[in-house]
Structure formats: structure tokens, C-alpha cells
C-alpha atoms as a PDB file:
ATOM      1  CA  UNK A   1     142.802 133.978  86.663  1.00  0.00           C
ATOM      2  CA  UNK A   2     140.079 136.166  85.195  1.00  0.00           C
ATOM      3  CA  UNK A   3     138.570 133.133  83.474  1.00  0.00           C
ATOM      4  CA  UNK A   4     138.692 131.065  86.663  1.00  0.00           C
ATOM      5  CA  UNK A   5     137.086 133.902  88.589  1.00  0.00           C
ATOM      6  CA  UNK A   6     134.336 134.188  85.942  1.00  0.00           C
ATOM      7  CA  UNK A   7     133.623 130.448  86.151  1.00  0.00           C
ATOM      8  CA  UNK A   8     133.454 130.702  89.947  1.00  0.00           C
ATOM      9  CA  UNK A   9     130.940 133.563  89.765  1.00  0.00           C
ATOM     10  CA  UNK A  10     128.858 131.651  87.204  1.00  0.00           C
ATOM     11  CA  UNK A  11     128.796 128.531  89.383  1.00  0.00           C
ATOM     12  CA  UNK A  12     127.709 130.555  92.405  1.00  0.00           C
ATOM     13  CA  UNK A  13     124.913 132.183  90.430  1.00  0.00           C
ATOM     14  CA  UNK A  14     123.611 128.765  89.359  1.00  0.00           C
ATOM     15  CA  UNK A  15     123.739 127.502  92.923  1.00  0.00           C
ATOM     16  CA  UNK A  16     121.691 130.403  94.278  1.00  0.00           C
ATOM     17  CA  UNK A  17     119.170 130.485  91.403  1.00  0.00           C
ATOM     18  CA  UNK A  18     118.289 126.758  91.406  1.00  0.00           C
ATOM     19  CA  UNK A  19     115.966 125.326  94.080  1.00  0.00           C
ATOM     20  CA  UNK A  20     117.850 123.472  96.777  1.00  0.00           C
ATOM     21  CA  UNK A  21     115.487 120.491  96.573  1.00  0.00           C
ATOM     22  CA  UNK A  22     112.493 119.929  94.311  1.00  0.00           C
ATOM     23  CA  UNK A  23     109.436 119.100  96.395  1.00  0.00           C
ATOM     24  CA  UNK A  24     108.276 115.488  95.981  1.00  0.00           C
ATOM     25  CA  UNK A  25     104.857 114.993  94.412  1.00  0.00           C
ATOM     26  CA  UNK A  26     102.175 113.602  96.717  1.00  0.00           C
ATOM     27  CA  UNK A  27      99.109 111.486  95.972  1.00  0.00           C
ATOM     28  CA  UNK A  28      96.324 111.580  98.548  1.00  0.00           C
ATOM     29  CA  UNK A  29      94.253 108.389  98.685  1.00  0.00           C
ATOM     30  CA  UNK A  30      91.083 107.955 100.749  1.00  0.00           C
ATOM     31  CA  UNK A  31      90.160 104.275 100.923  1.00  0.00           C
ATOM     32  CA  UNK A  32      88.982 101.329 102.998  1.00  0.00           C
ATOM     33  CA  UNK A  33      91.356 100.167 105.731  1.00  0.00           C
ATOM     34  CA  UNK A  34      91.916  96.795 104.043  1.00  0.00           C
ATOM     35  CA  UNK A  35      92.914  98.570 100.820  1.00  0.00           C
ATOM     36  CA  UNK A  36      95.767 100.556 102.380  1.00  0.00           C
ATOM     37  CA  UNK A  37      98.520  98.291 101.027  1.00  0.00           C
ATOM     38  CA  UNK A  38     101.740 100.002 102.124  1.00  0.00           C
ATOM     39  CA  UNK A  39     103.978  97.597 100.167  1.00  0.00           C
ATOM     40  CA  UNK A  40     102.125  98.223  96.913  1.00  0.00           C
ATOM     41  CA  UNK A  41     102.088 101.975  97.561  1.00  0.00           C
ATOM     42  CA  UNK A  42     105.848 101.932  98.192  1.00  0.00           C
ATOM     43  CA  UNK A  43     106.351 100.107  94.900  1.00  0.00           C
ATOM     44  CA  UNK A  44     104.329 102.840  93.171  1.00  0.00           C
ATOM     45  CA  UNK A  45     106.456 105.511  94.854  1.00  0.00           C
ATOM     46  CA  UNK A  46     109.667 103.764  93.817  1.00  0.00           C
ATOM     47  CA  UNK A  47     108.529 103.554  90.183  1.00  0.00           C
ATOM     48  CA  UNK A  48     107.109 107.073  89.903  1.00  0.00           C
ATOM     49  CA  UNK A  49     108.689 109.154  92.644  1.00  0.00           C
ATOM     50  CA  UNK A  50     105.199 110.081  93.866  1.00  0.00           C
ATOM     51  CA  UNK A  51     104.618 109.711  97.612  1.00  0.00           C
ATOM     52  CA  UNK A  52     101.297 108.140  98.665  1.00  0.00           C
ATOM     53  CA  UNK A  53      99.496 109.664 101.656  1.00  0.00           C
ATOM     54  CA  UNK A  54      96.675 107.418 102.874  1.00  0.00           C
ATOM     55  CA  UNK A  55      93.552 108.175 104.883  1.00  0.00           C
ATOM     56  CA  UNK A  56      90.951 105.496 105.613  1.00  0.00           C
ATOM     57  CA  UNK A  57      87.185 105.270 106.066  1.00  0.00           C
ATOM     58  CA  UNK A  58      84.863 102.495 107.222  1.00  0.00           C
ATOM     59  CA  UNK A  59      81.689 103.241 105.244  1.00  0.00           C
ATOM     60  CA  UNK A  60      80.547 104.854 102.017  1.00  0.00           C
ATOM     61  CA  UNK A  61      78.503 107.320 104.058  1.00  0.00           C
ATOM     62  CA  UNK A  62      81.688 108.498 105.769  1.00  0.00           C
ATOM     63  CA  UNK A  63      83.379 108.877 102.375  1.00  0.00           C
ATOM     64  CA  UNK A  64      80.515 110.965 101.017  1.00  0.00           C
ATOM     65  CA  UNK A  65      80.374 113.166 104.115  1.00  0.00           C
ATOM     66  CA  UNK A  66      84.127 113.809 103.963  1.00  0.00           C
ATOM     67  CA  UNK A  67      84.024 114.783 100.298  1.00  0.00           C
ATOM     68  CA  UNK A  68      81.012 117.027 100.899  1.00  0.00           C
ATOM     69  CA  UNK A  69      82.940 118.726 103.701  1.00  0.00           C
ATOM     70  CA  UNK A  70      85.731 119.599 101.268  1.00  0.00           C
ATOM     71  CA  UNK A  71      88.153 116.743 101.846  1.00  0.00           C
ATOM     72  CA  UNK A  72      90.812 117.004  99.142  1.00  0.00           C
ATOM     73  CA  UNK A  73      91.862 113.587  97.861  1.00  0.00           C
ATOM     74  CA  UNK A  74      93.162 112.402  94.515  1.00  0.00           C
ATOM     75  CA  UNK A  75      91.845 108.828  94.507  1.00  0.00           C
ATOM     76  CA  UNK A  76      88.914 107.215  96.350  1.00  0.00           C
ATOM     77  CA  UNK A  77      87.396 103.703  96.321  1.00  0.00           C
ATOM     78  CA  UNK A  78      83.590 103.995  96.553  1.00  0.00           C
ATOM     79  CA  UNK A  79      81.220 101.057  96.235  1.00  0.00           C
ATOM     80  CA  UNK A  80      79.192 100.884  93.052  1.00  0.00           C
ATOM     81  CA  UNK A  81      75.835 101.791  94.546  1.00  0.00           C
ATOM     82  CA  UNK A  82      77.337 105.086  95.739  1.00  0.00           C
ATOM     83  CA  UNK A  83      78.820 106.138  92.386  1.00  0.00           C
ATOM     84  CA  UNK A  84      75.572 107.738  91.079  1.00  0.00           C
ATOM     85  CA  UNK A  85      75.035 109.491  94.428  1.00  0.00           C
ATOM     86  CA  UNK A  86      78.542 110.937  94.434  1.00  0.00           C
ATOM     87  CA  UNK A  87      78.218 111.967  90.791  1.00  0.00           C
ATOM     88  CA  UNK A  88      74.862 113.604  91.436  1.00  0.00           C
ATOM     89  CA  UNK A  89      76.450 115.672  94.206  1.00  0.00           C
ATOM     90  CA  UNK A  90      79.247 116.616  91.770  1.00  0.00           C
ATOM     91  CA  UNK A  91      81.819 115.033  94.062  1.00  0.00           C
ATOM     92  CA  UNK A  92      83.500 112.987  91.296  1.00  0.00           C
ATOM     93  CA  UNK A  93      85.159 114.181  88.117  1.00  0.00           C
ATOM     94  CA  UNK A  94      84.574 112.240  84.890  1.00  0.00           C
ATOM     95  CA  UNK A  95      87.037 109.408  84.423  1.00  0.00           C
ATOM     96  CA  UNK A  96      89.777 110.634  82.039  1.00  0.00           C
ATOM     97  CA  UNK A  97      89.307 109.160  78.567  1.00  0.00           C
ATOM     98  CA  UNK A  98      92.770 107.584  78.499  1.00  0.00           C
ATOM     99  CA  UNK A  99      91.888 105.594  81.640  1.00  0.00           C
ATOM    100  CA  UNK A 100      88.767 104.022  80.126  1.00  0.00           C
ATOM    101  CA  UNK A 101      90.868 101.674  77.996  1.00  0.00           C
ATOM    102  CA  UNK A 102      91.432  99.539  81.091  1.00  0.00           C
ATOM    103  CA  UNK A 103      87.738  98.604  81.077  1.00  0.00           C
ATOM    104  CA  UNK A 104      88.433  96.303  78.120  1.00  0.00           C
ATOM    105  CA  UNK A 105      90.220  93.887  80.453  1.00  0.00           C
ATOM    106  CA  UNK A 106      87.505  93.671  83.122  1.00  0.00           C
ATOM    107  CA  UNK A 107      85.793  90.393  83.968  1.00  0.00           C
ATOM    108  CA  UNK A 108      82.529  89.955  82.084  1.00  0.00           C
ATOM    109  CA  UNK A 109      80.246  90.179  85.131  1.00  0.00           C
ATOM    110  CA  UNK A 110      81.343  93.736  85.948  1.00  0.00           C
ATOM    111  CA  UNK A 111      82.316  95.030  82.491  1.00  0.00           C
ATOM    112  CA  UNK A 112      79.148  97.151  82.243  1.00  0.00           C
ATOM    113  CA  UNK A 113      77.835  97.572  85.805  1.00  0.00           C
ATOM    114  CA  UNK A 114      74.383  99.149  86.036  1.00  0.00           C
ATOM    115  CA  UNK A 115      75.635 101.915  88.327  1.00  0.00           C
ATOM    116  CA  UNK A 116      78.185 103.170  85.740  1.00  0.00           C
ATOM    117  CA  UNK A 117      77.964 101.038  82.577  1.00  0.00           C
ATOM    118  CA  UNK A 118      80.380 103.077  80.466  1.00  0.00           C
ATOM    119  CA  UNK A 119      82.915 103.903  83.203  1.00  0.00           C
ATOM    120  CA  UNK A 120      81.883 107.548  83.104  1.00  0.00           C
ATOM    121  CA  UNK A 121      83.088 108.118  86.676  1.00  0.00           C
ATOM    122  CA  UNK A 122      84.738 104.913  87.864  1.00  0.00           C
ATOM    123  CA  UNK A 123      86.723 101.776  87.115  1.00  0.00           C
ATOM    124  CA  UNK A 124      85.894  98.549  88.987  1.00  0.00           C
ATOM    125  CA  UNK A 125      88.679  97.466  91.329  1.00  0.00           C
ATOM    126  CA  UNK A 126      87.429  94.521  93.401  1.00  0.00           C
ATOM    127  CA  UNK A 127      84.158  92.676  93.890  1.00  0.00           C
ATOM    128  CA  UNK A 128      82.774  90.341  96.520  1.00  0.00           C
ATOM    129  CA  UNK A 129      79.740  89.544  98.635  1.00  0.00           C
ATOM    130  CA  UNK A 130      78.127  90.523 101.900  1.00  0.00           C
ATOM    131  CA  UNK A 131      77.354  87.385 103.852  1.00  0.00           C
ATOM    132  CA  UNK A 132      77.556  86.006 107.363  1.00  0.00           C
ATOM    133  CA  UNK A 133      80.707  85.259 109.347  1.00  0.00           C
ATOM    134  CA  UNK A 134      80.137  82.534 111.938  1.00  0.00           C
ATOM    135  CA  UNK A 135      82.497  81.791 114.814  1.00  0.00           C
ATOM    136  CA  UNK A 136      82.224  78.023 115.104  1.00  0.00           C
ATOM    137  CA  UNK A 137      83.766  78.132 118.590  1.00  0.00           C
ATOM    138  CA  UNK A 138      80.905  80.253 119.859  1.00  0.00           C
ATOM    139  CA  UNK A 139      78.032  79.010 117.696  1.00  0.00           C
ATOM    140  CA  UNK A 140      77.152  75.313 117.724  1.00  0.00           C
ATOM    141  CA  UNK A 141      74.014  75.510 115.573  1.00  0.00           C
ATOM    142  CA  UNK A 142      74.174  74.934 111.828  1.00  0.00           C
ATOM    143  CA  UNK A 143      73.709  78.433 110.447  1.00  0.00           C
ATOM    144  CA  UNK A 144      72.033  78.407 107.025  1.00  0.00           C
ATOM    145  CA  UNK A 145      69.639  81.379 107.084  1.00  0.00           C
ATOM    146  CA  UNK A 146      69.553  85.112 107.697  1.00  0.00           C
ATOM    147  CA  UNK A 147      66.659  84.403 110.071  1.00  0.00           C
ATOM    148  CA  UNK A 148      69.183  82.934 112.513  1.00  0.00           C
ATOM    149  CA  UNK A 149      71.011  86.256 112.446  1.00  0.00           C
ATOM    150  CA  UNK A 150      67.996  88.510 112.858  1.00  0.00           C
ATOM    151  CA  UNK A 151      66.056  86.305 115.289  1.00  0.00           C
ATOM    152  CA  UNK A 152      67.937  84.985 118.331  1.00  0.00           C
ATOM    153  CA  UNK A 153      66.702  82.955 121.320  1.00  0.00           C
ATOM    154  CA  UNK A 154      65.302  84.995 124.214  1.00  0.00           C
ATOM    155  CA  UNK A 155      67.840  85.659 126.950  1.00  0.00           C
ATOM    156  CA  UNK A 156      70.892  85.102 124.774  1.00  0.00           C
ATOM    157  CA  UNK A 157      73.848  87.450 125.349  1.00  0.00           C
ATOM    158  CA  UNK A 158      74.536  90.249 122.869  1.00  0.00           C
ATOM    159  CA  UNK A 159      77.005  88.543 120.514  1.00  0.00           C
ATOM    160  CA  UNK A 160      76.104  89.879 117.073  1.00  0.00           C
ATOM    161  CA  UNK A 161      78.025  92.323 114.898  1.00  0.00           C
ATOM    162  CA  UNK A 162      76.227  94.523 112.354  1.00  0.00           C
ATOM    163  CA  UNK A 163      77.911  96.780 109.809  1.00  0.00           C
ATOM    164  CA  UNK A 164      77.046 100.485 109.910  1.00  0.00           C
ATOM    165  CA  UNK A 165      76.864 101.048 106.143  1.00  0.00           C
ATOM    166  CA  UNK A 166      73.167 101.935 105.781  1.00  0.00           C
ATOM    167  CA  UNK A 167      72.827 100.755 102.187  1.00  0.00           C
ATOM    168  CA  UNK A 168      74.425  97.396 103.004  1.00  0.00           C
ATOM    169  CA  UNK A 169      72.269  96.846 106.087  1.00  0.00           C
ATOM    170  CA  UNK A 170      69.086  97.651 104.180  1.00  0.00           C
ATOM    171  CA  UNK A 171      70.091  95.373 101.304  1.00  0.00           C
ATOM    172  CA  UNK A 172      70.690  92.471 103.690  1.00  0.00           C
ATOM    173  CA  UNK A 173      67.530  93.148 105.704  1.00  0.00           C
ATOM    174  CA  UNK A 174      65.589  93.237 102.421  1.00  0.00           C
ATOM    175  CA  UNK A 175      67.067  89.897 101.326  1.00  0.00           C
ATOM    176  CA  UNK A 176      66.312  88.360 104.734  1.00  0.00           C
ATOM    177  CA  UNK A 177      62.734  89.653 104.724  1.00  0.00           C
ATOM    178  CA  UNK A 178      61.993  88.663 101.143  1.00  0.00           C
ATOM    179  CA  UNK A 179      61.738  92.256  99.888  1.00  0.00           C
ATOM    180  CA  UNK A 180      63.095  93.754  96.678  1.00  0.00           C
ATOM    181  CA  UNK A 181      66.074  96.114  96.842  1.00  0.00           C
ATOM    182  CA  UNK A 182      64.982  99.746  97.139  1.00  0.00           C
ATOM    183  CA  UNK A 183      61.404  98.912  98.123  1.00  0.00           C
ATOM    184  CA  UNK A 184      60.444 102.096  99.935  1.00  0.00           C
ATOM    185  CA  UNK A 185      56.785 101.295 100.447  1.00  0.00           C
ATOM    186  CA  UNK A 186      55.441 102.110 103.954  1.00  0.00           C
ATOM    187  CA  UNK A 187      54.720  98.443 104.721  1.00  0.00           C
ATOM    188  CA  UNK A 188      58.246  97.362 103.764  1.00  0.00           C
ATOM    189  CA  UNK A 189      59.912 100.162 105.719  1.00  0.00           C
ATOM    190  CA  UNK A 190      57.821  99.227 108.746  1.00  0.00           C
ATOM    191  CA  UNK A 191      58.799  95.558 108.370  1.00  0.00           C
ATOM    192  CA  UNK A 192      62.514  96.383 108.018  1.00  0.00           C
ATOM    193  CA  UNK A 193      62.453  98.554 111.138  1.00  0.00           C
ATOM    194  CA  UNK A 194      60.612  95.871 113.105  1.00  0.00           C
ATOM    195  CA  UNK A 195      63.174  93.231 112.055  1.00  0.00           C
ATOM    196  CA  UNK A 196      66.125  95.419 113.010  1.00  0.00           C
ATOM    197  CA  UNK A 197      64.570  96.460 116.334  1.00  0.00           C
ATOM    198  CA  UNK A 198      63.876  92.836 117.249  1.00  0.00           C
ATOM    199  CA  UNK A 199      67.538  92.060 116.613  1.00  0.00           C
ATOM    200  CA  UNK A 200      68.920  95.072 118.492  1.00  0.00           C
ATOM    201  CA  UNK A 201      69.032  93.534 122.034  1.00  0.00           C
ATOM    202  CA  UNK A 202      71.376  90.847 120.690  1.00  0.00           C
ATOM    203  CA  UNK A 203      73.747  93.238 118.874  1.00  0.00           C
ATOM    204  CA  UNK A 204      77.060  93.838 120.605  1.00  0.00           C
ATOM    205  CA  UNK A 205      78.439  96.337 118.077  1.00  0.00           C
ATOM    206  CA  UNK A 206      77.066  98.357 115.157  1.00  0.00           C
ATOM    207  CA  UNK A 207      80.080  99.360 113.108  1.00  0.00           C
ATOM    208  CA  UNK A 208      82.577  98.356 110.446  1.00  0.00           C
ATOM    209  CA  UNK A 209      85.612  99.873 112.135  1.00  0.00           C
ATOM    210  CA  UNK A 210      87.508  97.119 113.942  1.00  0.00           C
ATOM    211  CA  UNK A 211      85.020  94.362 113.158  1.00  0.00           C
ATOM    212  CA  UNK A 212      87.694  92.119 111.640  1.00  0.00           C
ATOM    213  CA  UNK A 213      89.733  92.407 114.824  1.00  0.00           C
ATOM    214  CA  UNK A 214      86.682  91.554 116.937  1.00  0.00           C
ATOM    215  CA  UNK A 215      86.053  88.467 114.829  1.00  0.00           C
ATOM    216  CA  UNK A 216      89.678  87.380 115.088  1.00  0.00           C
ATOM    217  CA  UNK A 217      89.599  87.827 118.881  1.00  0.00           C
ATOM    218  CA  UNK A 218      86.469  85.656 119.273  1.00  0.00           C
ATOM    219  CA  UNK A 219      84.436  88.598 120.571  1.00  0.00           C
ATOM    220  CA  UNK A 220      81.584  88.189 118.056  1.00  0.00           C
ATOM    221  CA  UNK A 221      79.556  85.041 117.382  1.00  0.00           C
ATOM    222  CA  UNK A 222      77.734  86.103 114.205  1.00  0.00           C
ATOM    223  CA  UNK A 223      78.793  89.056 112.052  1.00  0.00           C
ATOM    224  CA  UNK A 224      77.313  90.649 108.927  1.00  0.00           C
ATOM    225  CA  UNK A 225      80.536  90.739 106.935  1.00  0.00           C
ATOM    226  CA  UNK A 226      82.238  91.416 103.636  1.00  0.00           C
ATOM    227  CA  UNK A 227      83.777  88.345 102.027  1.00  0.00           C
ATOM    228  CA  UNK A 228      87.316  89.676 101.709  1.00  0.00           C
ATOM    229  CA  UNK A 229      87.492  90.632 105.376  1.00  0.00           C
ATOM    230  CA  UNK A 230      86.416  87.138 106.402  1.00  0.00           C
ATOM    231  CA  UNK A 231      89.061  85.588 104.166  1.00  0.00           C
ATOM    232  CA  UNK A 232      91.724  87.686 105.874  1.00  0.00           C
ATOM    233  CA  UNK A 233      90.450  86.904 109.378  1.00  0.00           C
ATOM    234  CA  UNK A 234      90.246  83.188 108.670  1.00  0.00           C
ATOM    235  CA  UNK A 235      93.989  83.054 107.978  1.00  0.00           C
ATOM    236  CA  UNK A 236      94.556  83.899 111.657  1.00  0.00           C
ATOM    237  CA  UNK A 237      91.432  82.334 113.173  1.00  0.00           C
ATOM    238  CA  UNK A 238      90.319  79.084 111.454  1.00  0.00           C
ATOM    239  CA  UNK A 239      87.195  79.012 113.658  1.00  0.00           C
ATOM    240  CA  UNK A 240      85.667  81.712 111.445  1.00  0.00           C
ATOM    241  CA  UNK A 241      83.449  80.363 108.671  1.00  0.00           C
ATOM    242  CA  UNK A 242      81.868  82.321 105.822  1.00  0.00           C
ATOM    243  CA  UNK A 243      78.230  81.368 105.309  1.00  0.00           C
ATOM    244  CA  UNK A 244      76.025  82.086 102.295  1.00  0.00           C
ATOM    245  CA  UNK A 245      72.500  82.201 103.779  1.00  0.00           C
ATOM    246  CA  UNK A 246      69.913  80.390 101.690  1.00  0.00           C
ATOM    247  CA  UNK A 247      67.946  83.604 101.075  1.00  0.00           C
ATOM    248  CA  UNK A 248      70.926  85.009  99.155  1.00  0.00           C
ATOM    249  CA  UNK A 249      73.751  87.529  99.486  1.00  0.00           C
ATOM    250  CA  UNK A 250      74.526  91.045  98.333  1.00  0.00           C
ATOM    251  CA  UNK A 251      77.169  91.349  95.605  1.00  0.00           C
ATOM    252  CA  UNK A 252      79.186  94.563  95.784  1.00  0.00           C
ATOM    253  CA  UNK A 253      81.788  96.213  93.557  1.00  0.00           C
ATOM    254  CA  UNK A 254      84.381  98.695  94.821  1.00  0.00           C
ATOM    255  CA  UNK A 255      85.895 101.121  92.353  1.00  0.00           C
ATOM    256  CA  UNK A 256      88.686 103.557  91.635  1.00  0.00           C
ATOM    257  CA  UNK A 257      87.460 107.125  91.136  1.00  0.00           C
ATOM    258  CA  UNK A 258      88.896 110.649  91.118  1.00  0.00           C
ATOM    259  CA  UNK A 259      87.183 113.266  93.315  1.00  0.00           C
ATOM    260  CA  UNK A 260      86.142 116.544  91.739  1.00  0.00           C
ATOM    261  CA  UNK A 261      88.418 118.380  94.204  1.00  0.00           C
ATOM    262  CA  UNK A 262      91.518 116.344  93.321  1.00  0.00           C
ATOM    263  CA  UNK A 263      94.718 118.420  93.322  1.00  0.00           C
ATOM    264  CA  UNK A 264      96.962 115.993  91.428  1.00  0.00           C
ATOM    265  CA  UNK A 265      94.969 114.410  88.611  1.00  0.00           C
ATOM    266  CA  UNK A 266      98.073 113.340  86.689  1.00  0.00           C
ATOM    267  CA  UNK A 267      99.336 111.410  89.727  1.00  0.00           C
ATOM    268  CA  UNK A 268      95.890 109.850  90.122  1.00  0.00           C
ATOM    269  CA  UNK A 269      95.996 108.666  86.509  1.00  0.00           C
ATOM    270  CA  UNK A 270      99.460 107.173  87.030  1.00  0.00           C
ATOM    271  CA  UNK A 271      98.197 105.341  90.119  1.00  0.00           C
ATOM    272  CA  UNK A 272      95.162 103.925  88.300  1.00  0.00           C
ATOM    273  CA  UNK A 273      97.363 102.759  85.419  1.00  0.00           C
ATOM    274  CA  UNK A 274      99.764 101.192  87.942  1.00  0.00           C
ATOM    275  CA  UNK A 275      97.001  99.288  89.742  1.00  0.00           C
ATOM    276  CA  UNK A 276      95.539  98.088  86.434  1.00  0.00           C
ATOM    277  CA  UNK A 277      98.705  96.176  85.598  1.00  0.00           C
ATOM    278  CA  UNK A 278      97.856  92.474  86.100  1.00  0.00           C
ATOM    279  CA  UNK A 279     100.756  91.716  88.450  1.00  0.00           C
ATOM    280  CA  UNK A 280      99.944  94.730  90.630  1.00  0.00           C
ATOM    281  CA  UNK A 281      96.222  93.990  90.617  1.00  0.00           C
ATOM    282  CA  UNK A 282      96.890  90.379  91.664  1.00  0.00           C
ATOM    283  CA  UNK A 283      99.123  91.484  94.541  1.00  0.00           C
ATOM    284  CA  UNK A 284      96.564  94.090  95.620  1.00  0.00           C
ATOM    285  CA  UNK A 285      93.758  91.514  95.523  1.00  0.00           C
ATOM    286  CA  UNK A 286      95.675  89.155  97.786  1.00  0.00           C
ATOM    287  CA  UNK A 287      96.409  91.945 100.252  1.00  0.00           C
ATOM    288  CA  UNK A 288      92.786  93.084 100.398  1.00  0.00           C
ATOM    289  CA  UNK A 289      91.358  89.583 100.247  1.00  0.00           C
ATOM    290  CA  UNK A 290      89.031  90.378  97.342  1.00  0.00           C
ATOM    291  CA  UNK A 291      88.383  89.217  93.800  1.00  0.00           C
ATOM    292  CA  UNK A 292      90.252  91.405  91.260  1.00  0.00           C
ATOM    293  CA  UNK A 293      88.380  93.148  88.461  1.00  0.00           C
ATOM    294  CA  UNK A 294      90.925  92.226  85.750  1.00  0.00           C
ATOM    295  CA  UNK A 295      90.662  88.943  83.855  1.00  0.00           C
ATOM    296  CA  UNK A 296      94.427  88.794  83.403  1.00  0.00           C
ATOM    297  CA  UNK A 297      95.031  89.092  87.160  1.00  0.00           C
ATOM    298  CA  UNK A 298      93.059  85.951  87.985  1.00  0.00           C
ATOM    299  CA  UNK A 299      95.643  83.397  86.702  1.00  0.00           C
ATOM    300  CA  UNK A 300      98.323  85.130  88.774  1.00  0.00           C
ATOM    301  CA  UNK A 301      96.507  84.350  92.034  1.00  0.00           C
ATOM    302  CA  UNK A 302      97.466  81.279  94.099  1.00  0.00           C
ATOM    303  CA  UNK A 303      95.070  78.340  93.742  1.00  0.00           C
ATOM    304  CA  UNK A 304      94.302  78.515  97.471  1.00  0.00           C
ATOM    305  CA  UNK A 305      93.089  82.078  97.012  1.00  0.00           C
ATOM    306  CA  UNK A 306      91.050  81.410  93.862  1.00  0.00           C
ATOM    307  CA  UNK A 307      89.300  78.420  95.455  1.00  0.00           C
ATOM    308  CA  UNK A 308      88.590  80.027  98.854  1.00  0.00           C
ATOM    309  CA  UNK A 309      84.948  79.693  99.959  1.00  0.00           C
ATOM    310  CA  UNK A 310      84.694  83.440 100.477  1.00  0.00           C
ATOM    311  CA  UNK A 311      85.124  84.003  96.724  1.00  0.00           C
ATOM    312  CA  UNK A 312      82.856  81.302  95.324  1.00  0.00           C
ATOM    313  CA  UNK A 313      79.087  81.592  95.700  1.00  0.00           C
ATOM    314  CA  UNK A 314      77.617  78.081  96.064  1.00  0.00           C
ATOM    315  CA  UNK A 315      75.383  76.855  93.282  1.00  0.00           C
ATOM    316  CA  UNK A 316      71.759  77.704  93.980  1.00  0.00           C
ATOM    317  CA  UNK A 317      72.482  80.720  96.194  1.00  0.00           C
ATOM    318  CA  UNK A 318      71.257  83.996  94.726  1.00  0.00           C
ATOM    319  CA  UNK A 319      73.768  86.823  94.533  1.00  0.00           C
ATOM    320  CA  UNK A 320      72.303  90.185  93.566  1.00  0.00           C
ATOM    321  CA  UNK A 321      74.457  93.226  92.784  1.00  0.00           C
ATOM    322  CA  UNK A 322      73.643  96.166  95.043  1.00  0.00           C
ATOM    323  CA  UNK A 323      72.058  99.098  93.303  1.00  0.00           C
ATOM    324  CA  UNK A 324      71.527 102.799  93.807  1.00  0.00           C
ATOM    325  CA  UNK A 325      68.119 103.503  95.302  1.00  0.00           C
ATOM    326  CA  UNK A 326      66.084 106.623  94.464  1.00  0.00           C
ATOM    327  CA  UNK A 327      66.852 109.631  96.653  1.00  0.00           C
ATOM    328  CA  UNK A 328      63.548 109.407  98.521  1.00  0.00           C
ATOM    329  CA  UNK A 329      64.169 105.741  99.375  1.00  0.00           C
ATOM    330  CA  UNK A 330      67.668 106.545 100.652  1.00  0.00           C
ATOM    331  CA  UNK A 331      66.159 109.233 102.871  1.00  0.00           C
ATOM    332  CA  UNK A 332      63.605 106.765 104.213  1.00  0.00           C
ATOM    333  CA  UNK A 333      66.320 104.169 104.828  1.00  0.00           C
ATOM    334  CA  UNK A 334      68.294 106.754 106.787  1.00  0.00           C
ATOM    335  CA  UNK A 335      65.193 107.507 108.878  1.00  0.00           C
ATOM    336  CA  UNK A 336      64.821 103.791 109.651  1.00  0.00           C
ATOM    337  CA  UNK A 337      68.485 103.637 110.681  1.00  0.00           C
ATOM    338  CA  UNK A 338      68.220 106.740 112.848  1.00  0.00           C
ATOM    339  CA  UNK A 339      65.141 105.364 114.613  1.00  0.00           C
ATOM    340  CA  UNK A 340      66.931 102.068 115.194  1.00  0.00           C
ATOM    341  CA  UNK A 341      69.906 103.729 116.892  1.00  0.00           C
ATOM    342  CA  UNK A 342      67.931 106.089 119.148  1.00  0.00           C
END
């Protein structure tokens, strides 16, 4: 009896000393809306026990503002031209050394991107282009040029959609006007503002949030658009066509990065390693509608996806990777944008 009583007391002591339930780890991800793949995130949770909490943004400027304001996230997905800006503001931590090994499997065109050639702060995730989405139900003309987007016939209804990512808009306006990226000369800034102001009466919406839905619902005739979004929309609305204007397109790269204020760096590393598995990267690419960064993920994609027009720049069309402009040029671009929206 004494022994049984002693065992009972010991068991009770263990019960009261141990936590009733260990708190589940959480990973906070701040990303683009089309990158919030709940199925893939659930697979990660099942494999690791780490719960993914997702918040979304619609522009790199929003991402930067949120991080500057103290937003605490563990993983973000900034575009390449914003990596140096975020690093300069000390908003990103250096990429952990054991994560850099994944760079060996990247496709050749983005293995050493100019914005972060040695993966000091980021690992490429997806890449694509910024071109023109045309609703063939609403537009009967043969659209081949950015001039048809920026210059519309007098009296036409406002049917255009323009993204609100300042860097993207200025890149496209520069391509359309025959200017070099990051040309901050007074004459060029004046020309860019004049082009955008002339277009403004025909713009129905400035904004990235909800633009895919507007395209799918036949609310927009011509839309400055990211290739992956158009691919996704076209699956539901075959009237949408992705056009590579003859002047050229912007090539962008989105990345995985860890904010300086990250609370769970180990979970962030596990997530990056998970995404960099070829089968996971291929599934993620199909969900987002973008080209994966890993060579070994490409063969795992369906032929229909690999051959889609949104992912294959036609021969003869120039595709130039977006770059980080000097701080003074970015300030001038912002002034142009602010004047446009007054």
C-alpha cells in the first residue's frame, strides 16, 4: 500500500509539473496574394508541426512600409529591385549560410542577379514579366505596342488598369517612352509625367489589389499586368490574352528573404528548405502561375504550363531585368507618382 501510495503521489507531481499542452510553433509569412498557397502551407505544417500565419500585400512599397513600421514577420517575398533598398534600411537579415547552398540549383539566368549576386539577403523564388493583358472581348484592335496602352482615342471610356507599384510603372513607362531604366534626368522625368497624365483620363483603376478579379470579370479592357496573374486569369476567362509589346517588357524576380525583426528564424529556414525541394517548388509555381527558380522543378511542371505564352518571351522582344535605382531617382519617381495621383 505504501508503495502504491508513493507511485500515486509521484504520478500526480509529474502531472502538475509538466505543461498541459506545448504551444505550437508559428511562422509568420508576409507575401503576395497569389503566393498564399494554403495547401502547400498545410503540407509544411504537417511535416514540421509549424503553423503558417499568412498576411498579404499588393506592392513592394506596402511591404517596405510595413517592415519600417515594425511589422514582425519571419519570411517575406520582395521583388529583386527592392532587395538593396530593404537591406539599406536594415530591414532584412543576412541569408543564413546553410540556406545559400540552394543557390546552386537555380536556373542560369537568375543564378547571380545584379540586385543580390551572392544571395547575401535573398534566394530567388519565381520570375516572370510585366506585360499587357488584353481582353479580346472588349478590344478589337490588334494590340502590339505600349503606345496603344498609354495613348487612347479621344472620348473613349475609362477602361484601363494600371498597377500601383511605382518602380514597375516607371520601368514600363520608360520602356514605352524609349528611356533607360533609372534615367532621372529632368527631361525624362517631365516626359514620363506627361505620358502618365495623358493616359490618366482613360484609367479606370490604379492598383494591384483585385486587378486579377477585374480582368476575369471583363471590367478592364487593357491592364498592365504580371505574367503569372494573367496565366491564372486566363484559365477562367479565355478572352484574356497576354501581349508582349514590341518595345519590350520588364523581367522581374521575386525572392524569399528573412526580415531583420523575424522572431522564428529556425522556422523560416525550415520553410525555405521546404520550398526549395523540387516537388514543392513545382507545386508552388503552378499555384502562383510563375516560373520556378529551380532547374530541377522545371521538368516536374505539366507541358501545358511550361509552354504557356505568359512564360515564353517571343523571339525578338527585349526583356530587361528590373534594377534598383539610386535613392535620388526613386525619390523623383515618387514625386512623379504623387503628382499624377493628385
